Amino acid sequence: MAAEETSPTVVGTAEESLNRRSADQGTSSDSADADTAWDSPAPLAPDERIDAERVLPTRTDNLVREASSLIGGPVGAHAVIGRSRHLTPLRVLFALALCGLALGWFGKAGCLQQAPPDDGSAGRPGAEMRLDWDDQRQFTNLCYSDVISLYGAERLNIGALPYRDFWFQEGSDGQTIKRYMEYPVLTGMFMYGAAQLTRGWVWAEENWGVPGALDVVLFFTVVALGLALFWLVTIWATALTARARMWTVWLAALSPLVFVHAFTNFDTIATAAVAVALLAWSRDKPWIAGVAIGIGAAAKLYPALLLVVLGALCLRTGRIREFGAAAAAAVASWLLVNLPILIPYPSGWWEFFRFNADRSADADTIYRILADTLGFTWNINLLNALSVGLTVLVLVAVAVIGLCAPHRPRVAQLAFLAVAGFLLANKVWSPQYSLWLVPLAVLAIPHTRLLLTWMTVDALIWIPRMSLFLDQERRWLPDQWFTTAVVVRGLMVMVLCAVVIWQIWHPQEDLVRRGNDGRWYDDPAGGVFDGAPDRIRLRLPSRLVRRRAEVEVAETVSAGSP
């Protein structure tokens, strides 16, 4: 089955459009040329191309169409698309993303307030201010951020070098343990770099009179600037990967999850790497995709899941060389980042794995809910085995879907299933992890109301979760509210997965595969997969289900092909 070109193409000019209108009015093209001054009071632009393939949400999405009434309504039927020099889709998406990030900043601003010291030295010369987290402000104001806590917890405030310097801490079993930086290398070194910039800022404040604040506030400011840039990279790469559906990325730019969690932790580093990897793969650059995957895995492990997705699809299409290039580049870039720490400080480098192996079930996971409901405590070895085992099963299932589907799934669809399944099976689901799904969901699931509902529910979990950390007399919600919210969030993610699987088996219902011109597309962001024939494909046990799906795909392609 041949692939259709999915990038915006020139399908006509303003003059051709004028001639068509003149013909409809019963006039010749010559008379139309004569009446050009009547039809267009100004000379036509030198570049008369228009973009007829771009999907316009105000025409195709009911929610966006209704919202557009605030700014004049949907784009007009005679509007010339793709000719704006300034308000390009990408620039508008950047502006929307900055608005979302600004809301995220203001959400954390309550935790950046300063207060006079508690020791009665307020007003004395040399008295230092302190961070005002009195009366559990960080939880009652819903502004808690790991960025602020980790500045002191990881000893960055005293200039500790991650993975080399250590400290002693009492563990959950009462024993004293030796602790190092608990994050992967790229994230840890990003934190260290931000801490060094903070020290430079403090020095400039003391010696040059540069405006400043508490060092922890300056640290958060530096980190937030870096995380915002990473999120803008995420939006940029996701928008370019979406191609004709670029406007749909507004949902990622203004996602409620960004408002709440853009600056909760350091996850936008990994989302940027995954988005760049998908963009590079869509542009037939497998080695660049591999480099991005390796760098992302050095910040968070989940970007490595893309190798499972690409491996299954490459096996199905026989693109083994491209997968080899991507995998080799991923391993090389990951080693390049990790070896400078692993070789001199192996104990510090291993801390991330040790910490997560000893970590109990997170409150946001089904494991903790089961333990609290049934009244038992997980054996850590059993919990680890179950979590790892379920994760492996999820990845095997994703690979099987990629190899068995009647028509090859889109890359974004399998990537979403892999990451969502990993979160559901993992024993840790920190609230900010949901950011991982946002750009993938926008590419995989073209249903605005469904995505917006999930994102809103997921973001609102922050409210009952913060209540868990409050003193008993201050809690505004019972603990059961949090448990219910987590269950609802898990069910909604499973619904999203079910929608993706349904559309994989019924590609004629996948809006991403439909063009404005009525044609049917394979995988606009598939890169070497787009239009590639199957070389290896597993057969489902049920011949009836497989045959019915194949007939539906064949009928769709036949009806959509020119």
Protein backbone atom coordinates (compact mmCIF):
# COMPACT_ATOMS: atom_id res chain seq x y z
CA MET A 1 0.00 0.00 0.00
CA ALA A 2 1.59 3.25 -1.08
CA ALA A 3 1.97 6.04 1.42
CA GLU A 4 0.53 9.47 0.78
CA GLU A 5 2.61 12.57 1.36
CA THR A 6 1.49 14.06 4.65
CA SER A 7 3.46 17.27 4.88
CA PRO A 8 1.61 20.46 3.81
CA THR A 9 1.58 20.71 0.04
CA VAL A 10 0.62 23.33 -2.47
CA VAL A 11 -2.77 22.37 -3.86
CA GLY A 12 -3.73 25.59 -5.56
CA THR A 13 -3.18 29.31 -5.95
CA ALA A 14 -5.34 32.33 -5.36
CA GLU A 15 -5.68 32.86 -9.14
CA GLU A 16 -6.95 29.31 -9.64
CA SER A 17 -9.45 29.82 -6.86
CA LEU A 18 -10.61 33.02 -8.55
CA ASN A 19 -11.03 31.22 -11.86
CA ARG A 20 -13.08 28.48 -10.20
CA ARG A 21 -15.39 31.05 -8.62
CA SER A 22 -15.78 32.81 -11.98
CA ALA A 23 -16.67 29.52 -13.67
CA ASP A 24 -19.30 28.85 -11.04
CA GLN A 25 -20.83 32.26 -11.84
CA GLY A 26 -21.05 31.41 -15.53
CA THR A 27 -18.14 33.62 -16.62
CA SER A 28 -14.94 32.76 -18.41
CA SER A 29 -11.48 32.93 -16.93
CA ASP A 30 -10.76 35.88 -19.23
CA SER A 31 -13.62 37.88 -17.75
CA ALA A 32 -12.43 36.84 -14.30
CA ASP A 33 -9.00 38.27 -15.05
CA ALA A 34 -10.65 41.45 -16.21
CA ASP A 35 -12.57 41.72 -12.98
CA THR A 36 -9.55 41.05 -10.77
CA ALA A 37 -9.64 44.63 -9.53
CA TRP A 38 -13.28 44.10 -8.52
CA ASP A 39 -12.52 40.81 -6.76
CA SER A 40 -9.23 41.89 -5.14
CA PRO A 41 -8.65 45.61 -4.53
CA ALA A 42 -4.93 44.93 -3.96
CA PRO A 43 -2.48 43.04 -6.16
CA LEU A 44 -2.23 39.35 -5.42
CA ALA A 45 0.70 38.31 -3.27
CA PRO A 46 3.79 37.04 -5.14
CA ASP A 47 3.50 33.72 -3.28
CA GLU A 48 0.03 32.42 -4.11
CA ARG A 49 0.36 29.01 -2.47
CA ILE A 50 -2.15 27.81 0.12
CA ASP A 51 -2.04 24.91 2.55
CA ALA A 52 -5.15 22.79 2.09
CA GLU A 53 -3.96 19.80 4.16
CA ARG A 54 -3.64 21.50 7.53
CA VAL A 55 -6.33 20.33 9.94
CA LEU A 56 -8.13 23.35 11.40
CA PRO A 57 -9.64 22.57 14.84
CA THR A 58 -12.23 25.36 14.56
CA ARG A 59 -13.70 23.43 11.63
CA THR A 60 -13.18 19.85 12.82
CA ASP A 61 -13.36 20.01 16.64
CA ASN A 62 -16.68 20.95 18.25
CA LEU A 63 -15.05 22.06 21.50
CA VAL A 64 -12.59 24.36 19.75
CA ARG A 65 -15.28 25.63 17.39
CA GLU A 66 -17.44 26.70 20.32
CA ALA A 67 -14.50 28.27 22.14
CA SER A 68 -13.48 30.23 19.04
CA SER A 69 -16.64 32.31 19.35
CA LEU A 70 -14.72 34.41 21.88
CA ILE A 71 -12.34 35.58 19.16
CA GLY A 72 -14.69 35.80 16.19
CA GLY A 73 -15.62 32.23 15.43
CA PRO A 74 -14.15 29.52 13.18
CA VAL A 75 -11.77 30.35 10.37
CA GLY A 76 -13.71 31.50 7.31
CA ALA A 77 -14.47 29.27 4.37
CA HIS A 78 -12.52 31.58 2.03
CA ALA A 79 -9.57 32.16 4.38
CA VAL A 80 -6.13 31.67 2.84
CA ILE A 81 -4.31 29.13 5.01
CA GLY A 82 -0.55 28.94 5.41
CA ARG A 83 0.42 32.45 4.30
CA SER A 84 0.76 34.29 7.63
CA ARG A 85 4.27 35.59 8.22
CA HIS A 86 3.94 36.32 11.92
CA LEU A 87 1.10 34.35 13.57
CA THR A 88 2.33 30.98 12.43
CA PRO A 89 0.95 27.91 14.24
CA LEU A 90 4.27 27.21 15.93
CA ARG A 91 4.58 30.75 17.29
CA VAL A 92 1.02 30.69 18.58
CA LEU A 93 1.71 27.34 20.26
CA PHE A 94 4.81 28.82 21.89
CA ALA A 95 2.72 31.72 23.18
CA LEU A 96 0.11 29.33 24.58
CA ALA A 97 2.84 27.20 26.16
CA LEU A 98 4.32 30.26 27.84
CA CYS A 99 0.90 31.10 29.24
CA GLY A 100 0.64 27.56 30.63
CA LEU A 101 4.12 27.76 32.12
CA ALA A 102 3.33 31.14 33.66
CA LEU A 103 0.32 29.62 35.41
CA GLY A 104 2.58 26.81 36.58
CA TRP A 105 5.04 29.35 37.99
CA PHE A 106 2.33 31.26 39.86
CA GLY A 107 1.08 27.97 41.26
CA LYS A 108 4.47 27.43 42.94
CA ALA A 109 5.04 31.08 43.91
CA GLY A 110 3.34 30.59 47.29
CA CYS A 111 6.24 28.35 48.32
CA LEU A 112 8.84 30.99 47.47
CA GLN A 113 7.77 33.48 50.14
CA GLN A 114 10.41 34.67 52.58
CA ALA A 115 9.97 35.30 56.31
CA PRO A 116 12.09 36.77 59.12
CA PRO A 117 14.10 34.34 61.27
CA ASP A 118 12.46 32.47 64.15
CA ASP A 119 15.20 33.18 66.70
CA GLY A 120 14.13 36.74 67.49
CA SER A 121 16.92 38.33 65.47
CA ALA A 122 14.54 39.96 62.98
CA GLY A 123 15.63 43.50 62.24
CA ARG A 124 19.15 43.03 63.56
CA PRO A 125 22.09 43.73 61.25
CA GLY A 126 23.11 40.59 59.41
CA ALA A 127 19.89 38.72 60.24
CA GLU A 128 19.04 36.36 57.38
CA MET A 129 15.61 35.67 55.98
CA ARG A 130 14.26 32.15 55.73
CA LEU A 131 11.82 30.28 53.52
CA ASP A 132 8.29 30.66 54.84
CA TRP A 133 6.83 27.16 54.99
CA ASP A 134 5.15 27.86 58.31
CA ASP A 135 1.90 26.09 59.15
CA GLN A 136 2.55 23.64 56.29
CA ARG A 137 2.16 26.37 53.69
CA GLN A 138 3.63 24.14 50.99
CA PHE A 139 0.65 21.80 51.31
CA THR A 140 -2.20 24.15 52.22
CA ASN A 141 -1.26 26.43 49.29
CA LEU A 142 -0.85 23.43 46.93
CA CYS A 143 2.52 24.84 45.91
CA TYR A 144 4.87 22.05 46.98
CA SER A 145 7.77 21.36 44.63
CA ASP A 146 10.50 18.73 44.88
CA VAL A 147 12.86 21.30 43.36
CA ILE A 148 12.78 23.35 46.56
CA SER A 149 13.04 20.36 48.91
CA LEU A 150 15.87 18.69 47.01
CA TYR A 151 18.12 21.75 47.18
CA GLY A 152 18.83 20.96 50.82
CA ALA A 153 18.01 17.25 50.82
CA GLU A 154 20.64 16.50 48.16
CA ARG A 155 23.17 18.84 49.87
CA LEU A 156 23.29 21.12 46.84
CA ASN A 157 23.05 24.13 49.16
CA ILE A 158 26.53 23.34 50.52
CA GLY A 159 28.09 22.63 47.14
CA ALA A 160 28.02 18.82 47.26
CA LEU A 161 29.05 17.12 44.03
CA PRO A 162 26.39 14.55 43.08
CA TYR A 163 27.46 10.89 43.13
CA ARG A 164 30.78 11.72 44.81
CA ASP A 165 29.68 13.32 48.07
CA PHE A 166 27.48 11.40 50.47
CA TRP A 167 25.70 11.73 53.78
CA PHE A 168 24.15 9.45 56.36
CA GLN A 169 20.44 9.11 56.91
CA GLU A 170 18.17 6.93 59.00
CA GLY A 171 16.21 4.47 56.87
CA SER A 172 12.63 3.29 57.29
CA ASP A 173 13.87 0.30 59.30
CA GLY A 174 15.71 2.55 61.75
CA GLN A 175 19.17 1.71 60.45
CA THR A 176 21.62 4.35 59.30
CA ILE A 177 22.31 4.21 55.57
CA LYS A 178 24.81 5.96 53.33
CA ARG A 179 23.05 8.20 50.82
CA TYR A 180 24.06 9.73 47.48
CA MET A 181 22.18 11.65 44.81
CA GLU A 182 19.13 9.50 44.01
CA TYR A 183 18.41 10.71 40.46
CA PRO A 184 19.79 9.51 37.11
CA VAL A 185 22.99 11.18 35.97
CA LEU A 186 21.63 13.78 33.55
CA THR A 187 19.00 14.98 36.02
CA GLY A 188 21.50 15.03 38.86
CA MET A 189 24.04 17.03 36.90
CA PHE A 190 21.33 19.43 35.75
CA MET A 191 20.54 20.03 39.42
CA TYR A 192 24.23 20.53 40.19
CA GLY A 193 24.63 22.98 37.30
CA ALA A 194 21.63 24.96 38.53
CA ALA A 195 23.10 24.99 42.05
CA GLN A 196 26.40 26.34 40.72
CA LEU A 197 24.58 29.09 38.84
CA THR A 198 22.76 29.88 42.07
CA ARG A 199 26.07 30.22 43.92
CA GLY A 200 27.27 32.57 41.19
CA TRP A 201 24.08 34.61 41.52
CA VAL A 202 24.56 34.89 45.30
CA TRP A 203 28.17 35.99 44.77
CA ALA A 204 27.08 38.64 42.27
CA GLU A 205 24.45 39.83 44.74
CA GLU A 206 27.00 40.19 47.52
CA ASN A 207 29.75 41.80 45.42
CA TRP A 208 27.99 43.65 42.61
CA GLY A 209 24.63 44.47 44.16
CA VAL A 210 22.67 42.31 41.73
CA PRO A 211 19.05 41.85 42.91
CA GLY A 212 18.73 38.54 44.73
CA ALA A 213 16.80 36.48 47.22
CA LEU A 214 17.26 33.37 49.34
CA ASP A 215 19.56 30.90 47.66
CA VAL A 216 16.81 28.25 47.53
CA VAL A 217 14.49 30.72 45.79
CA LEU A 218 17.23 31.56 43.29
CA PHE A 219 17.83 27.85 42.75
CA PHE A 220 14.15 27.27 41.97
CA THR A 221 14.19 30.22 39.58
CA VAL A 222 17.18 28.88 37.66
CA VAL A 223 15.73 25.37 37.52
CA ALA A 224 12.31 26.63 36.45
CA LEU A 225 13.85 28.58 33.58
CA GLY A 226 15.63 25.44 32.37
CA LEU A 227 12.53 23.26 32.75
CA ALA A 228 10.46 25.82 30.84
CA LEU A 229 12.93 25.71 27.96
CA PHE A 230 12.74 21.91 27.91
CA TRP A 231 8.95 22.09 27.78
CA LEU A 232 9.11 24.54 24.86
CA VAL A 233 11.33 22.01 23.08
CA THR A 234 8.66 19.40 23.80
CA ILE A 235 5.98 21.60 22.23
CA TRP A 236 8.18 22.43 19.23
CA ALA A 237 9.07 18.83 18.46
CA THR A 238 5.55 17.52 19.07
CA ALA A 239 4.05 20.18 16.80
CA LEU A 240 6.45 19.37 13.96
CA THR A 241 5.78 15.67 14.41
CA ALA A 242 2.02 16.28 14.20
CA ARG A 243 2.50 17.92 10.76
CA ALA A 244 -0.94 18.65 9.29
CA ARG A 245 -2.49 18.32 12.77
CA MET A 246 -0.08 20.82 14.30
CA TRP A 247 -2.86 22.90 15.84
CA THR A 248 -3.94 19.98 18.04
CA VAL A 249 -0.80 20.47 20.13
CA TRP A 250 -2.56 23.41 21.81
CA LEU A 251 -3.92 20.80 24.21
CA ALA A 252 -0.39 19.98 25.38
CA ALA A 253 0.55 23.66 25.63
CA LEU A 254 -2.45 24.43 27.84
CA SER A 255 -2.76 21.10 29.60
CA PRO A 256 -3.93 21.32 33.24
CA LEU A 257 -1.10 18.93 34.05
CA VAL A 258 1.37 21.61 32.93
CA PHE A 259 -0.28 24.16 35.22
CA VAL A 260 0.26 21.86 38.21
CA HIS A 261 3.40 19.84 37.48
CA ALA A 262 5.67 21.69 35.06
CA PHE A 263 7.85 22.71 38.02
CA THR A 264 7.04 19.95 40.50
CA ASN A 265 10.08 17.91 39.50
CA PHE A 266 12.52 17.58 36.59
CA ASP A 267 10.39 15.57 34.15
CA THR A 268 10.31 18.03 31.25
CA ILE A 269 13.92 17.07 30.48
CA ALA A 270 12.76 13.58 29.53
CA THR A 271 9.61 14.75 27.71
CA ALA A 272 11.78 16.95 25.51
CA ALA A 273 14.08 14.03 24.69
CA VAL A 274 11.15 11.76 23.77
CA ALA A 275 9.54 14.46 21.62
CA VAL A 276 12.80 15.07 19.76
CA ALA A 277 13.26 11.32 19.26
CA LEU A 278 9.81 11.01 17.69
CA LEU A 279 10.44 14.03 15.48
CA ALA A 280 13.80 12.68 14.31
CA TRP A 281 12.28 9.29 13.53
CA SER A 282 9.44 10.92 11.60
CA ARG A 283 12.05 12.71 9.48
CA ASP A 284 13.95 9.49 8.67
CA LYS A 285 16.83 10.24 11.08
CA PRO A 286 17.05 7.04 13.15
CA TRP A 287 20.47 7.77 14.61
CA ILE A 288 19.34 11.19 15.88
CA ALA A 289 16.28 9.50 17.35
CA GLY A 290 18.58 7.04 19.10
CA VAL A 291 20.75 9.81 20.52
CA ALA A 292 17.65 11.52 21.92
CA ILE A 293 16.42 8.25 23.43
CA GLY A 294 19.79 7.63 25.10
CA ILE A 295 19.95 11.17 26.49
CA GLY A 296 16.36 10.90 27.72
CA ALA A 297 17.09 7.58 29.43
CA ALA A 298 19.97 9.28 31.22
CA ALA A 299 17.42 11.69 32.74
CA LYS A 300 14.51 9.25 33.30
CA LEU A 301 14.38 5.61 32.30
CA TYR A 302 11.05 5.68 30.48
CA PRO A 303 12.39 7.06 27.13
CA ALA A 304 14.09 3.67 26.66
CA LEU A 305 10.59 2.21 26.14
CA LEU A 306 10.66 3.73 22.66
CA LEU A 307 13.20 1.10 21.65
CA VAL A 308 10.59 -1.61 22.29
CA VAL A 309 8.08 0.27 20.13
CA LEU A 310 10.52 0.91 17.30
CA GLY A 311 11.87 -2.64 17.55
CA ALA A 312 8.43 -4.20 17.05
CA LEU A 313 7.56 -1.97 14.10
CA CYS A 314 10.99 -2.39 12.51
CA LEU A 315 10.67 -6.16 12.81
CA ARG A 316 7.28 -6.03 11.14
CA THR A 317 8.50 -3.89 8.23
CA GLY A 318 11.96 -5.43 7.93
CA ARG A 319 13.69 -2.14 8.79
CA ILE A 320 16.34 -3.84 10.90
CA ARG A 321 19.14 -1.55 9.79
CA GLU A 322 17.28 1.56 10.94
CA PHE A 323 16.50 -0.01 14.29
CA GLY A 324 20.12 -1.04 14.70
CA ALA A 325 21.23 2.54 14.06
CA ALA A 326 18.76 3.90 16.59
CA ALA A 327 19.59 1.30 19.25
CA ALA A 328 23.34 1.71 18.82
CA ALA A 329 23.07 5.49 19.03
CA ALA A 330 20.87 5.20 22.13
CA VAL A 331 23.34 2.94 23.93
CA ALA A 332 26.32 5.08 22.89
CA SER A 333 24.74 8.36 24.02
CA TRP A 334 23.58 6.81 27.30
CA LEU A 335 27.09 5.51 28.00
CA LEU A 336 28.61 8.84 27.03
CA VAL A 337 26.53 10.55 29.71
CA ASN A 338 26.87 7.87 32.39
CA LEU A 339 30.46 6.61 32.14
CA PRO A 340 32.08 9.83 33.45
CA ILE A 341 30.15 9.22 36.68
CA LEU A 342 30.00 5.42 36.71
CA ILE A 343 33.77 4.91 36.44
CA PRO A 344 34.98 7.22 39.24
CA TYR A 345 31.90 6.97 41.52
CA PRO A 346 30.23 3.56 41.03
CA SER A 347 28.52 3.58 44.44
CA GLY A 348 27.02 7.01 43.83
CA TRP A 349 25.94 6.05 40.31
CA TRP A 350 24.20 2.91 41.60
CA GLU A 351 22.23 4.87 44.22
CA PHE A 352 19.35 5.52 41.81
CA PHE A 353 18.81 1.80 41.31
CA ARG A 354 19.32 0.95 45.00
CA PHE A 355 16.92 3.64 46.12
CA ASN A 356 14.18 2.51 43.75
CA ALA A 357 14.70 -1.17 44.60
CA ASP A 358 14.25 -0.42 48.33
CA ARG A 359 11.34 1.95 47.73
CA SER A 360 7.90 0.81 48.84
CA ALA A 361 4.72 1.16 46.80
CA ASP A 362 3.82 4.76 46.09
CA ALA A 363 0.51 6.10 47.37
CA ASP A 364 -0.59 6.77 43.77
CA THR A 365 -0.40 3.12 42.70
CA ILE A 366 -2.76 0.17 42.75
CA TYR A 367 -0.26 -1.74 44.91
CA ARG A 368 -0.61 0.72 47.78
CA ILE A 369 -4.37 0.85 47.42
CA LEU A 370 -4.56 -2.95 47.64
CA ALA A 371 -2.29 -3.00 50.69
CA ASP A 372 -4.29 -0.30 52.50
CA THR A 373 -7.64 -1.86 51.57
CA LEU A 374 -6.74 -5.42 52.54
CA GLY A 375 -4.60 -4.37 55.49
CA PHE A 376 -1.21 -5.91 54.71
CA THR A 377 2.34 -4.71 54.07
CA TRP A 378 4.15 -5.64 50.90
CA ASN A 379 7.29 -7.70 51.06
CA ILE A 380 9.69 -5.53 49.08
CA ASN A 381 11.13 -8.43 47.07
CA LEU A 382 7.66 -9.66 46.12
CA LEU A 383 6.59 -6.13 45.23
CA ASN A 384 9.62 -5.60 43.00
CA ALA A 385 9.13 -8.94 41.28
CA LEU A 386 5.45 -8.22 40.65
CA SER A 387 6.09 -4.70 39.36
CA VAL A 388 8.90 -5.79 37.04
CA GLY A 389 6.97 -8.84 35.88
CA LEU A 390 3.87 -6.82 34.99
CA THR A 391 5.99 -4.24 33.22
CA VAL A 392 7.58 -6.95 31.09
CA LEU A 393 4.13 -8.34 30.28
CA VAL A 394 2.96 -4.88 29.24
CA LEU A 395 5.91 -4.43 26.90
CA VAL A 396 5.40 -7.90 25.43
CA ALA A 397 1.73 -7.04 24.86
CA VAL A 398 2.71 -3.78 23.14
CA ALA A 399 5.11 -5.66 20.87
CA VAL A 400 2.46 -8.27 20.08
CA ILE A 401 -0.04 -5.54 19.18
CA GLY A 402 2.54 -4.00 16.89
CA LEU A 403 3.14 -7.33 15.17
CA CYS A 404 -0.43 -8.67 15.10
CA ALA A 405 -2.63 -5.70 14.24
CA PRO A 406 -4.37 -6.02 10.84
CA HIS A 407 -2.74 -2.76 9.80
CA ARG A 408 0.51 -1.54 11.30
CA PRO A 409 -0.09 0.82 14.28
CA ARG A 410 1.19 4.34 14.23
CA VAL A 411 4.39 4.99 16.21
CA ALA A 412 2.64 7.42 18.56
CA GLN A 413 -0.08 4.87 19.32
CA LEU A 414 2.34 2.17 20.42
CA ALA A 415 4.49 4.70 22.30
CA PHE A 416 1.46 5.87 24.28
CA LEU A 417 0.49 2.28 25.11
CA ALA A 418 4.02 1.46 26.26
CA VAL A 419 4.36 4.48 28.58
CA ALA A 420 0.79 4.27 29.92
CA GLY A 421 1.18 0.55 30.58
CA PHE A 422 4.50 1.16 32.31
CA LEU A 423 2.89 3.72 34.66
CA LEU A 424 -0.02 1.41 35.44
CA ALA A 425 2.30 -1.53 36.20
CA ASN A 426 5.02 0.38 38.05
CA LYS A 427 5.12 0.55 41.84
CA VAL A 428 5.79 4.30 41.67
CA TRP A 429 3.57 6.86 39.96
CA SER A 430 4.62 10.26 41.23
CA PRO A 431 2.04 12.91 40.26
CA GLN A 432 4.34 14.64 37.77
CA TYR A 433 4.87 11.38 35.86
CA SER A 434 1.56 12.05 34.10
CA LEU A 435 3.39 14.74 32.12
CA TRP A 436 5.07 11.90 30.24
CA LEU A 437 1.76 11.00 28.64
CA VAL A 438 0.69 14.49 27.53
CA PRO A 439 2.63 14.88 24.23
CA LEU A 440 2.18 11.20 23.38
CA ALA A 441 -1.57 11.38 24.01
CA VAL A 442 -1.94 14.42 21.76
CA LEU A 443 -0.23 12.55 18.91
CA ALA A 444 -1.98 9.23 19.51
CA ILE A 445 -5.57 10.17 20.44
CA PRO A 446 -7.25 12.89 18.34
CA HIS A 447 -10.20 13.38 20.71
CA THR A 448 -10.09 16.70 22.55
CA ARG A 449 -12.89 16.21 25.07
CA LEU A 450 -11.59 12.81 26.15
CA LEU A 451 -8.03 14.06 26.61
CA LEU A 452 -9.08 17.25 28.38
CA THR A 453 -11.25 15.28 30.80
CA TRP A 454 -8.41 12.91 31.67
CA MET A 455 -5.88 15.72 32.08
CA THR A 456 -8.21 17.70 34.34
CA VAL A 457 -8.97 14.72 36.58
CA ASP A 458 -5.28 13.80 36.74
CA ALA A 459 -4.28 17.35 37.65
CA LEU A 460 -6.96 17.61 40.36
CA ILE A 461 -5.45 14.59 42.16
CA TRP A 462 -2.92 17.10 43.48
CA ILE A 463 -5.55 18.50 45.89
CA PRO A 464 -6.31 15.32 47.88
CA ARG A 465 -2.67 14.26 47.62
CA MET A 466 -1.48 17.42 49.37
CA SER A 467 -4.10 16.78 52.04
CA LEU A 468 -2.35 13.51 52.91
CA PHE A 469 0.69 15.42 54.18
CA LEU A 470 -1.24 17.80 56.43
CA ASP A 471 -1.60 17.36 60.16
CA GLN A 472 -4.79 15.51 61.02
CA GLU A 473 -6.59 18.61 62.29
CA ARG A 474 -5.74 20.54 59.12
CA ARG A 475 -6.83 17.98 56.53
CA TRP A 476 -9.64 19.28 54.37
CA LEU A 477 -10.45 15.92 52.74
CA PRO A 478 -10.67 12.34 54.00
CA ASP A 479 -7.97 9.99 52.70
CA GLN A 480 -10.62 8.07 50.77
CA TRP A 481 -10.97 11.00 48.38
CA PHE A 482 -7.39 10.51 47.29
CA THR A 483 -7.87 6.77 46.86
CA THR A 484 -10.98 7.33 44.77
CA ALA A 485 -9.23 9.92 42.61
CA VAL A 486 -6.33 7.56 41.96
CA VAL A 487 -8.70 4.75 40.95
CA VAL A 488 -10.60 7.09 38.62
CA ARG A 489 -7.34 8.30 37.09
CA GLY A 490 -6.19 4.72 36.51
CA LEU A 491 -9.53 3.79 34.91
CA MET A 492 -9.37 6.82 32.63
CA VAL A 493 -5.86 5.94 31.46
CA MET A 494 -7.07 2.41 30.74
CA VAL A 495 -9.96 3.91 28.74
CA LEU A 496 -7.44 5.91 26.72
CA CYS A 497 -5.49 2.71 26.09
CA ALA A 498 -8.69 0.94 25.02
CA VAL A 499 -9.47 3.75 22.56
CA VAL A 500 -5.98 3.48 21.08
CA ILE A 501 -6.24 -0.31 20.73
CA TRP A 502 -9.70 -0.03 19.17
CA GLN A 503 -8.43 2.45 16.59
CA ILE A 504 -5.41 0.26 15.88
CA TRP A 505 -7.78 -2.58 15.00
CA HIS A 506 -10.19 -0.21 13.23
CA PRO A 507 -7.87 2.29 11.49
CA GLN A 508 -10.73 3.69 9.44
CA GLU A 509 -11.92 5.35 12.69
CA ASP A 510 -8.53 6.94 13.40
CA LEU A 511 -8.87 10.66 12.62
CA VAL A 512 -5.11 11.04 12.23
CA ARG A 513 -5.25 8.77 9.19
CA ARG A 514 -7.92 10.88 7.50
CA GLY A 515 -6.92 13.75 5.26
CA ASN A 516 -8.89 16.89 4.50
CA ASP A 517 -9.08 15.75 0.90
CA GLY A 518 -10.71 12.44 1.84
CA ARG A 519 -7.59 10.36 1.32
CA TRP A 520 -6.39 7.77 3.83
CA TYR A 521 -2.87 8.08 5.27
CA ASP A 522 -0.66 5.42 6.77
CA ASP A 523 1.45 7.00 9.53
CA PRO A 524 2.22 10.71 9.02
CA ALA A 525 4.88 10.55 11.76
CA GLY A 526 6.11 7.06 10.93
CA GLY A 527 9.26 7.97 9.06
CA VAL A 528 10.54 4.83 7.35
CA PHE A 529 7.35 3.01 8.38
CA ASP A 530 5.05 5.31 6.42
CA GLY A 531 3.74 3.20 3.55
CA ALA A 532 6.23 0.39 4.11
CA PRO A 533 4.94 -3.12 3.36
CA ASP A 534 4.82 -5.79 6.05
CA ARG A 535 7.65 -8.32 6.01
CA ILE A 536 6.82 -10.20 9.23
CA ARG A 537 3.43 -10.30 10.89
CA LEU A 538 2.06 -12.60 13.55
CA ARG A 539 -1.36 -14.12 12.99
CA LEU A 540 -4.12 -13.93 15.57
CA PRO A 541 -5.72 -17.19 16.72
CA SER A 542 -9.15 -16.02 15.58
CA ARG A 543 -9.37 -16.07 11.81
CA LEU A 544 -12.78 -14.37 11.90
CA VAL A 545 -11.59 -11.32 13.86
CA ARG A 546 -8.46 -11.01 11.76
CA ARG A 547 -10.32 -11.40 8.47
CA ARG A 548 -12.99 -8.85 9.41
CA ALA A 549 -10.39 -6.27 10.40
CA GLU A 550 -8.43 -6.85 7.20
CA VAL A 551 -11.56 -6.33 5.13
CA GLU A 552 -12.33 -3.07 6.92
CA VAL A 553 -8.80 -1.78 6.30
CA ALA A 554 -8.93 -2.80 2.63
CA GLU A 555 -12.27 -1.06 2.15
CA THR A 556 -10.98 2.09 3.83
CA VAL A 557 -7.85 2.24 1.70
CA SER A 558 -9.84 1.56 -1.46
CA ALA A 559 -12.35 4.30 -0.67
CA GLY A 560 -9.73 6.83 0.37
CA SER A 561 -7.22 6.36 -2.42
CA PRO A 562 -7.43 8.79 -5.33
